[in-house]
Amino acid sequence: MNKELLNKLNELVGKVNYLPYNIADTSIVLGTPQVPMVGVEYVWARYDAQQTTMIKSLNGKSIFVSNNNRTGTIEFGLLDGTASNGAVEILNLTGIPFPINIVDSKTGGTSRVLGTACRLIATPEWRRDAIPGVNIYTFSCARLEVNQGIRLPE
């Protein structure tokens, strides 16, 4: 972000406070009843399909249309040796898709990822080898909701 744009933003909304991200503020719960995960190293989520498409019109204008395809992927890494690894494996052994809820506590719940009907899928070997001491779990979700959220004032 260039300095000019940052100054304009500060004029419009007041002083912007950029805080470093802390993974310890993120909580992940799996299944129903909810099982909290401990030893979280990282988490990411992405949609499988683009969420908006621009449709061009013959009159020269265009509109953006939302995509109803909300399938996505959630991946997180847990420290090796934590009880949460066993909880993930047990939930997977049931064969029943389960929800995953990820919330950043510093945003008061406005920043969250919610995946419904999630199933554990294979994680590529190169990704598992990239971070030693961390078990990586990748899930395919039938419906994924990602909200960026806003940070609470301190």
N, C-alpha and C. Protein backbone atom coordinates (compact mmCIF):
# COMPACT_ATOMS: atom_id res chain seq x y z
N MET A 1 0.86 -1.17 0.00
CA MET A 1 0.00 0.00 0.00
C MET A 1 0.90 1.23 0.00
N ASN A 2 0.68 2.14 -0.95
CA ASN A 2 1.55 3.30 -1.00
C ASN A 2 1.16 4.33 0.06
N LYS A 3 2.06 5.23 0.35
CA LYS A 3 1.89 6.19 1.44
C LYS A 3 0.73 7.14 1.19
N GLU A 4 0.52 7.55 -0.07
CA GLU A 4 -0.57 8.46 -0.40
C GLU A 4 -1.93 7.82 -0.09
N LEU A 5 -2.09 6.58 -0.51
CA LEU A 5 -3.33 5.86 -0.27
C LEU A 5 -3.56 5.66 1.22
N LEU A 6 -2.50 5.34 1.95
CA LEU A 6 -2.60 5.15 3.39
C LEU A 6 -3.00 6.45 4.10
N ASN A 7 -2.45 7.57 3.67
CA ASN A 7 -2.82 8.86 4.25
C ASN A 7 -4.28 9.19 3.98
N LYS A 8 -4.78 8.92 2.77
CA LYS A 8 -6.19 9.16 2.44
C LYS A 8 -7.10 8.27 3.30
N LEU A 9 -6.68 7.02 3.47
CA LEU A 9 -7.46 6.10 4.30
C LEU A 9 -7.52 6.58 5.74
N ASN A 10 -6.40 7.05 6.26
CA ASN A 10 -6.36 7.57 7.63
C ASN A 10 -7.24 8.80 7.79
N GLU A 11 -7.33 9.63 6.76
CA GLU A 11 -8.21 10.80 6.81
C GLU A 11 -9.67 10.39 6.83
N LEU A 12 -10.01 9.36 6.05
CA LEU A 12 -11.41 8.95 5.94
C LEU A 12 -11.91 8.20 7.17
N VAL A 13 -11.14 7.25 7.65
CA VAL A 13 -11.63 6.38 8.74
C VAL A 13 -10.90 6.58 10.05
N GLY A 14 -9.97 7.50 10.11
CA GLY A 14 -9.19 7.67 11.33
C GLY A 14 -7.92 6.85 11.27
N LYS A 15 -7.15 6.88 12.32
CA LYS A 15 -5.88 6.18 12.36
C LYS A 15 -6.10 4.68 12.29
N VAL A 16 -5.48 4.04 11.30
CA VAL A 16 -5.59 2.59 11.14
C VAL A 16 -4.50 1.94 11.97
N ASN A 17 -4.90 0.99 12.80
CA ASN A 17 -3.96 0.30 13.67
C ASN A 17 -3.64 -1.07 13.08
N TYR A 18 -2.45 -1.23 12.55
CA TYR A 18 -2.04 -2.51 11.99
C TYR A 18 -1.37 -3.34 13.08
N LEU A 19 -2.01 -4.43 13.45
CA LEU A 19 -1.48 -5.31 14.49
C LEU A 19 -0.97 -6.59 13.86
N PRO A 20 0.11 -7.15 14.38
CA PRO A 20 0.58 -8.43 13.86
C PRO A 20 -0.41 -9.54 14.19
N TYR A 21 -0.50 -10.52 13.31
CA TYR A 21 -1.42 -11.64 13.52
C TYR A 21 -0.81 -12.65 14.47
N ASN A 22 -1.62 -13.19 15.36
CA ASN A 22 -1.17 -14.18 16.33
C ASN A 22 -2.05 -15.42 16.21
N ILE A 23 -1.47 -16.56 15.85
CA ILE A 23 -2.23 -17.79 15.67
C ILE A 23 -2.84 -18.27 16.99
N ALA A 24 -2.30 -17.85 18.12
CA ALA A 24 -2.85 -18.25 19.42
C ALA A 24 -4.25 -17.67 19.64
N ASP A 25 -4.61 -16.63 18.88
CA ASP A 25 -5.94 -16.04 19.00
C ASP A 25 -6.98 -16.79 18.19
N THR A 26 -6.56 -17.79 17.43
CA THR A 26 -7.46 -18.54 16.56
C THR A 26 -7.88 -19.83 17.24
N SER A 27 -9.18 -20.08 17.27
CA SER A 27 -9.67 -21.34 17.83
C SER A 27 -10.37 -22.14 16.74
N ILE A 28 -10.12 -23.44 16.75
CA ILE A 28 -10.72 -24.36 15.78
C ILE A 28 -11.50 -25.40 16.56
N VAL A 29 -12.75 -25.62 16.18
CA VAL A 29 -13.56 -26.69 16.76
C VAL A 29 -14.11 -27.55 15.64
N LEU A 30 -14.12 -28.86 15.86
CA LEU A 30 -14.58 -29.82 14.88
C LEU A 30 -15.74 -30.61 15.43
N GLY A 31 -16.64 -31.00 14.55
CA GLY A 31 -17.68 -31.96 14.89
C GLY A 31 -18.83 -31.40 15.70
N THR A 32 -19.76 -32.33 15.99
CA THR A 32 -20.90 -32.05 16.85
C THR A 32 -21.05 -33.25 17.76
N PRO A 33 -20.85 -33.14 19.06
CA PRO A 33 -20.51 -31.94 19.83
C PRO A 33 -19.12 -31.43 19.46
N GLN A 34 -18.91 -30.17 19.71
CA GLN A 34 -17.68 -29.52 19.27
C GLN A 34 -16.47 -29.98 20.07
N VAL A 35 -15.40 -30.30 19.34
CA VAL A 35 -14.14 -30.72 19.93
C VAL A 35 -13.10 -29.65 19.62
N PRO A 36 -12.60 -28.92 20.64
CA PRO A 36 -11.61 -27.87 20.36
C PRO A 36 -10.24 -28.47 20.04
N MET A 37 -9.54 -27.82 19.12
CA MET A 37 -8.20 -28.26 18.72
C MET A 37 -7.16 -27.44 19.49
N VAL A 38 -6.11 -28.11 19.93
CA VAL A 38 -4.98 -27.44 20.59
C VAL A 38 -3.72 -27.71 19.77
N GLY A 39 -2.74 -26.83 19.89
CA GLY A 39 -1.49 -26.99 19.15
C GLY A 39 -1.61 -26.59 17.70
N VAL A 40 -2.45 -25.60 17.40
CA VAL A 40 -2.66 -25.17 16.02
C VAL A 40 -1.44 -24.37 15.56
N GLU A 41 -0.84 -24.78 14.45
CA GLU A 41 0.32 -24.10 13.88
C GLU A 41 -0.09 -23.11 12.81
N TYR A 42 -1.00 -23.49 11.95
CA TYR A 42 -1.48 -22.61 10.89
C TYR A 42 -2.84 -23.10 10.43
N VAL A 43 -3.55 -22.24 9.71
CA VAL A 43 -4.84 -22.60 9.13
C VAL A 43 -5.07 -21.76 7.88
N TRP A 44 -5.65 -22.36 6.86
CA TRP A 44 -6.06 -21.60 5.69
C TRP A 44 -7.30 -22.25 5.09
N ALA A 45 -8.07 -21.44 4.38
CA ALA A 45 -9.27 -21.92 3.70
C ALA A 45 -9.39 -21.20 2.37
N ARG A 46 -9.94 -21.91 1.38
CA ARG A 46 -10.14 -21.28 0.07
C ARG A 46 -11.33 -21.94 -0.62
N TYR A 47 -11.98 -21.15 -1.45
CA TYR A 47 -13.07 -21.68 -2.26
C TYR A 47 -12.49 -22.44 -3.45
N ASP A 48 -13.20 -23.45 -3.90
CA ASP A 48 -12.75 -24.21 -5.07
C ASP A 48 -13.03 -23.46 -6.37
N ALA A 49 -14.06 -22.61 -6.37
CA ALA A 49 -14.43 -21.87 -7.57
C ALA A 49 -14.41 -20.37 -7.27
N GLN A 50 -14.23 -19.58 -8.31
CA GLN A 50 -14.26 -18.13 -8.17
C GLN A 50 -15.64 -17.73 -7.68
N GLN A 51 -15.72 -16.78 -6.74
CA GLN A 51 -16.99 -16.45 -6.10
C GLN A 51 -17.81 -15.39 -6.83
N THR A 52 -17.20 -14.59 -7.67
CA THR A 52 -17.96 -13.63 -8.48
C THR A 52 -17.47 -13.71 -9.92
N THR A 53 -18.41 -13.49 -10.83
CA THR A 53 -18.08 -13.51 -12.24
C THR A 53 -18.64 -12.24 -12.88
N MET A 54 -17.85 -11.61 -13.73
CA MET A 54 -18.33 -10.43 -14.43
C MET A 54 -19.00 -10.86 -15.73
N ILE A 55 -20.27 -10.46 -15.90
CA ILE A 55 -21.04 -10.77 -17.09
C ILE A 55 -21.11 -9.49 -17.93
N LYS A 56 -20.60 -9.54 -19.12
CA LYS A 56 -20.61 -8.37 -20.00
C LYS A 56 -21.94 -8.30 -20.74
N SER A 57 -22.36 -7.06 -21.01
CA SER A 57 -23.62 -6.82 -21.69
C SER A 57 -23.34 -6.18 -23.05
N LEU A 58 -24.31 -6.28 -23.96
CA LEU A 58 -24.14 -5.70 -25.30
C LEU A 58 -24.16 -4.17 -25.26
N ASN A 59 -24.71 -3.58 -24.20
CA ASN A 59 -24.77 -2.11 -24.12
C ASN A 59 -23.48 -1.51 -23.56
N GLY A 60 -22.47 -2.32 -23.32
CA GLY A 60 -21.18 -1.81 -22.86
C GLY A 60 -21.00 -1.87 -21.36
N LYS A 61 -22.08 -2.07 -20.62
CA LYS A 61 -21.97 -2.19 -19.17
C LYS A 61 -21.81 -3.65 -18.79
N SER A 62 -21.47 -3.87 -17.57
CA SER A 62 -21.34 -5.24 -17.09
C SER A 62 -21.78 -5.30 -15.64
N ILE A 63 -22.12 -6.51 -15.18
CA ILE A 63 -22.53 -6.70 -13.79
C ILE A 63 -21.73 -7.87 -13.21
N PHE A 64 -21.64 -7.89 -11.89
CA PHE A 64 -21.00 -8.98 -11.20
C PHE A 64 -22.08 -9.90 -10.63
N VAL A 65 -21.94 -11.18 -10.88
CA VAL A 65 -22.90 -12.18 -10.44
C VAL A 65 -22.21 -13.10 -9.45
N SER A 66 -22.89 -13.39 -8.33
CA SER A 66 -22.33 -14.29 -7.33
C SER A 66 -22.44 -15.74 -7.80
N ASN A 67 -21.49 -16.54 -7.40
CA ASN A 67 -21.47 -17.95 -7.73
C ASN A 67 -22.13 -18.72 -6.60
N ASN A 68 -23.06 -19.61 -6.92
CA ASN A 68 -23.71 -20.42 -5.90
C ASN A 68 -22.87 -21.60 -5.46
N ASN A 69 -21.79 -21.89 -6.18
CA ASN A 69 -20.90 -22.99 -5.82
C ASN A 69 -20.02 -22.53 -4.65
N ARG A 70 -20.30 -23.01 -3.46
CA ARG A 70 -19.56 -22.62 -2.25
C ARG A 70 -18.69 -23.76 -1.73
N THR A 71 -18.36 -24.73 -2.56
CA THR A 71 -17.47 -25.79 -2.10
C THR A 71 -16.09 -25.21 -1.84
N GLY A 72 -15.36 -25.81 -0.93
CA GLY A 72 -14.04 -25.28 -0.60
C GLY A 72 -13.16 -26.28 0.11
N THR A 73 -12.00 -25.80 0.49
CA THR A 73 -11.00 -26.62 1.15
C THR A 73 -10.50 -25.89 2.39
N ILE A 74 -10.38 -26.62 3.48
CA ILE A 74 -9.80 -26.10 4.72
C ILE A 74 -8.59 -26.95 5.05
N GLU A 75 -7.50 -26.30 5.42
CA GLU A 75 -6.30 -27.04 5.84
C GLU A 75 -5.76 -26.40 7.10
N PHE A 76 -5.38 -27.23 8.04
CA PHE A 76 -4.70 -26.73 9.23
C PHE A 76 -3.64 -27.71 9.68
N GLY A 77 -2.66 -27.19 10.41
CA GLY A 77 -1.58 -28.00 10.92
C GLY A 77 -1.62 -28.04 12.44
N LEU A 78 -1.49 -29.22 13.00
CA LEU A 78 -1.46 -29.41 14.45
C LEU A 78 -0.10 -29.95 14.85
N LEU A 79 0.40 -29.49 15.97
CA LEU A 79 1.67 -30.01 16.48
C LEU A 79 1.57 -31.51 16.71
N ASP A 80 2.61 -32.20 16.33
CA ASP A 80 2.66 -33.65 16.50
C ASP A 80 2.63 -34.00 17.99
N GLY A 81 1.86 -35.00 18.34
CA GLY A 81 1.82 -35.47 19.73
C GLY A 81 0.71 -34.87 20.56
N THR A 82 -0.13 -34.00 20.01
CA THR A 82 -1.24 -33.44 20.79
C THR A 82 -2.45 -34.37 20.69
N ALA A 83 -3.33 -34.27 21.67
CA ALA A 83 -4.53 -35.11 21.68
C ALA A 83 -5.48 -34.74 20.54
N SER A 84 -5.35 -33.53 20.01
CA SER A 84 -6.22 -33.10 18.91
C SER A 84 -6.02 -33.95 17.66
N ASN A 85 -4.80 -34.46 17.45
CA ASN A 85 -4.56 -35.34 16.31
C ASN A 85 -5.43 -36.59 16.41
N GLY A 86 -5.55 -37.13 17.59
CA GLY A 86 -6.40 -38.30 17.80
C GLY A 86 -7.86 -37.99 17.58
N ALA A 87 -8.29 -36.79 18.00
CA ALA A 87 -9.69 -36.39 17.81
C ALA A 87 -10.04 -36.30 16.33
N VAL A 88 -9.13 -35.76 15.53
CA VAL A 88 -9.37 -35.66 14.08
C VAL A 88 -9.47 -37.06 13.49
N GLU A 89 -8.59 -37.96 13.88
CA GLU A 89 -8.61 -39.32 13.34
C GLU A 89 -9.89 -40.05 13.74
N ILE A 90 -10.35 -39.87 14.97
CA ILE A 90 -11.59 -40.53 15.42
C ILE A 90 -12.79 -40.00 14.66
N LEU A 91 -12.86 -38.67 14.47
CA LEU A 91 -13.95 -38.10 13.70
C LEU A 91 -13.93 -38.62 12.27
N ASN A 92 -12.75 -38.79 11.71
CA ASN A 92 -12.64 -39.31 10.35
C ASN A 92 -13.08 -40.77 10.27
N LEU A 93 -12.78 -41.57 11.29
CA LEU A 93 -13.14 -42.99 11.27
C LEU A 93 -14.65 -43.21 11.31
N THR A 94 -15.42 -42.25 11.81
CA THR A 94 -16.87 -42.42 11.84
C THR A 94 -17.45 -42.44 10.43
N GLY A 95 -16.78 -41.79 9.48
CA GLY A 95 -17.27 -41.76 8.11
C GLY A 95 -18.38 -40.75 7.88
N ILE A 96 -18.72 -40.01 8.91
CA ILE A 96 -19.80 -39.02 8.81
C ILE A 96 -19.17 -37.64 8.61
N PRO A 97 -19.61 -36.89 7.60
CA PRO A 97 -19.09 -35.53 7.43
C PRO A 97 -19.42 -34.67 8.64
N PHE A 98 -18.51 -33.81 9.03
CA PHE A 98 -18.71 -33.00 10.23
C PHE A 98 -18.39 -31.54 9.95
N PRO A 99 -18.92 -30.62 10.77
CA PRO A 99 -18.62 -29.20 10.56
C PRO A 99 -17.28 -28.80 11.18
N ILE A 100 -16.68 -27.77 10.60
CA ILE A 100 -15.45 -27.18 11.14
C ILE A 100 -15.73 -25.69 11.31
N ASN A 101 -15.44 -25.18 12.50
CA ASN A 101 -15.66 -23.77 12.80
C ASN A 101 -14.34 -23.17 13.28
N ILE A 102 -13.87 -22.13 12.59
CA ILE A 102 -12.61 -21.47 12.93
C ILE A 102 -12.92 -20.01 13.20
N VAL A 103 -12.54 -19.52 14.39
CA VAL A 103 -12.85 -18.15 14.79
C VAL A 103 -11.60 -17.47 15.31
N ASP A 104 -11.41 -16.21 14.93
CA ASP A 104 -10.33 -15.39 15.47
C ASP A 104 -10.91 -14.59 16.63
N SER A 105 -10.44 -14.85 17.85
CA SER A 105 -11.03 -14.21 19.04
C SER A 105 -10.77 -12.71 19.11
N LYS A 106 -9.74 -12.21 18.44
CA LYS A 106 -9.44 -10.78 18.48
C LYS A 106 -10.45 -9.94 17.70
N THR A 107 -11.29 -10.60 16.91
CA THR A 107 -12.28 -9.86 16.12
C THR A 107 -13.68 -9.99 16.70
N GLY A 108 -13.80 -10.60 17.85
CA GLY A 108 -15.11 -10.76 18.46
C GLY A 108 -16.01 -11.70 17.69
N GLY A 109 -15.43 -12.62 16.93
CA GLY A 109 -16.21 -13.59 16.17
C GLY A 109 -16.59 -13.13 14.78
N THR A 110 -16.20 -11.91 14.37
CA THR A 110 -16.56 -11.45 13.03
C THR A 110 -15.67 -12.08 11.97
N SER A 111 -14.46 -12.49 12.33
CA SER A 111 -13.58 -13.18 11.40
C SER A 111 -13.72 -14.67 11.67
N ARG A 112 -14.33 -15.38 10.71
CA ARG A 112 -14.55 -16.80 10.93
C ARG A 112 -14.59 -17.55 9.62
N VAL A 113 -14.32 -18.84 9.72
CA VAL A 113 -14.45 -19.77 8.61
C VAL A 113 -15.36 -20.88 9.10
N LEU A 114 -16.39 -21.17 8.34
CA LEU A 114 -17.32 -22.23 8.69
C LEU A 114 -17.45 -23.18 7.52
N GLY A 115 -17.12 -24.43 7.76
CA GLY A 115 -17.26 -25.45 6.72
C GLY A 115 -18.26 -26.49 7.18
N THR A 116 -19.24 -26.79 6.33
CA THR A 116 -20.23 -27.81 6.69
C THR A 116 -19.95 -29.06 5.88
N ALA A 117 -20.31 -30.19 6.44
CA ALA A 117 -20.15 -31.49 5.79
C ALA A 117 -18.73 -31.67 5.27
N CYS A 118 -17.75 -31.54 6.17
CA CYS A 118 -16.34 -31.64 5.79
C CYS A 118 -15.86 -33.09 5.89
N ARG A 119 -15.04 -33.45 4.94
CA ARG A 119 -14.43 -34.79 4.92
C ARG A 119 -12.92 -34.65 4.78
N LEU A 120 -12.20 -35.49 5.50
CA LEU A 120 -10.74 -35.49 5.42
C LEU A 120 -10.33 -36.07 4.08
N ILE A 121 -9.44 -35.35 3.37
CA ILE A 121 -8.92 -35.83 2.10
C ILE A 121 -7.40 -35.94 2.21
N ALA A 122 -6.80 -36.52 1.21
CA ALA A 122 -5.34 -36.74 1.24
C ALA A 122 -4.59 -35.42 1.11
N THR A 123 -3.57 -35.26 1.93
CA THR A 123 -2.68 -34.11 1.86
C THR A 123 -1.45 -34.55 1.06
N PRO A 124 -1.02 -33.74 0.08
CA PRO A 124 0.16 -34.13 -0.70
C PRO A 124 1.39 -34.35 0.18
N GLU A 125 2.20 -35.32 -0.21
CA GLU A 125 3.39 -35.68 0.55
C GLU A 125 4.36 -34.52 0.69
N TRP A 126 4.53 -33.72 -0.36
CA TRP A 126 5.47 -32.60 -0.32
C TRP A 126 5.04 -31.56 0.71
N ARG A 127 3.71 -31.42 0.91
CA ARG A 127 3.24 -30.44 1.88
C ARG A 127 3.49 -30.95 3.31
N ARG A 128 3.31 -32.25 3.51
CA ARG A 128 3.55 -32.82 4.85
C ARG A 128 5.03 -32.78 5.20
N ASP A 129 5.89 -32.94 4.20
CA ASP A 129 7.33 -32.92 4.44
C ASP A 129 7.87 -31.51 4.65
N ALA A 130 7.12 -30.51 4.22
CA ALA A 130 7.60 -29.12 4.29
C ALA A 130 7.69 -28.60 5.72
N ILE A 131 6.85 -29.11 6.63
CA ILE A 131 6.84 -28.64 8.01
C ILE A 131 7.02 -29.84 8.94
N PRO A 132 8.24 -30.15 9.34
CA PRO A 132 8.45 -31.29 10.24
C PRO A 132 7.88 -31.00 11.63
N GLY A 133 7.33 -32.04 12.25
CA GLY A 133 6.77 -31.90 13.60
C GLY A 133 5.34 -31.40 13.62
N VAL A 134 4.75 -31.23 12.44
CA VAL A 134 3.37 -30.75 12.33
C VAL A 134 2.58 -31.73 11.47
N ASN A 135 1.44 -32.18 11.99
CA ASN A 135 0.54 -33.03 11.21
C ASN A 135 -0.43 -32.13 10.47
N ILE A 136 -0.51 -32.29 9.15
CA ILE A 136 -1.34 -31.43 8.32
C ILE A 136 -2.60 -32.19 7.91
N TYR A 137 -3.74 -31.55 8.10
CA TYR A 137 -5.03 -32.13 7.75
C TYR A 137 -5.71 -31.24 6.72
N THR A 138 -6.17 -31.86 5.62
CA THR A 138 -6.86 -31.15 4.56
C THR A 138 -8.28 -31.71 4.46
N PHE A 139 -9.26 -30.80 4.43
CA PHE A 139 -10.67 -31.19 4.39
C PHE A 139 -11.35 -30.59 3.17
N SER A 140 -12.22 -31.36 2.57
CA SER A 140 -13.09 -30.87 1.50
C SER A 140 -14.44 -30.57 2.12
N CYS A 141 -14.97 -29.38 1.85
CA CYS A 141 -16.22 -28.93 2.47
C CYS A 141 -17.30 -28.77 1.42
N ALA A 142 -18.49 -29.26 1.72
CA ALA A 142 -19.62 -29.12 0.81
C ALA A 142 -20.06 -27.67 0.71
N ARG A 143 -19.95 -26.94 1.80
CA ARG A 143 -20.30 -25.51 1.82
C ARG A 143 -19.30 -24.80 2.73
N LEU A 144 -18.69 -23.76 2.20
CA LEU A 144 -17.68 -23.02 2.94
C LEU A 144 -18.10 -21.55 3.01
N GLU A 145 -18.02 -20.99 4.19
CA GLU A 145 -18.29 -19.57 4.40
C GLU A 145 -17.05 -18.94 5.02
N VAL A 146 -16.52 -17.91 4.38
CA VAL A 146 -15.33 -17.22 4.87
C VAL A 146 -15.68 -15.76 5.08
N ASN A 147 -15.55 -15.28 6.32
CA ASN A 147 -15.79 -13.87 6.65
C ASN A 147 -14.48 -13.28 7.16
N GLN A 148 -14.04 -12.20 6.53
CA GLN A 148 -12.76 -11.59 6.90
C GLN A 148 -12.81 -10.94 8.27
N GLY A 149 -13.91 -10.28 8.60
CA GLY A 149 -14.06 -9.67 9.93
C GLY A 149 -13.27 -8.39 10.09
N ILE A 150 -13.45 -7.79 11.24
CA ILE A 150 -12.72 -6.56 11.61
C ILE A 150 -12.17 -6.73 13.02
N ARG A 151 -11.07 -6.08 13.28
CA ARG A 151 -10.48 -6.17 14.62
C ARG A 151 -11.21 -5.26 15.59
N LEU A 152 -11.34 -5.72 16.82
CA LEU A 152 -11.97 -4.92 17.86
C LEU A 152 -11.01 -3.83 18.32
N PRO A 153 -11.51 -2.66 18.67
CA PRO A 153 -10.61 -1.62 19.19
C PRO A 153 -10.07 -2.04 20.56
N GLU A 154 -8.85 -1.64 20.83
CA GLU A 154 -8.24 -2.03 22.10
C GLU A 154 -8.34 -0.91 23.12
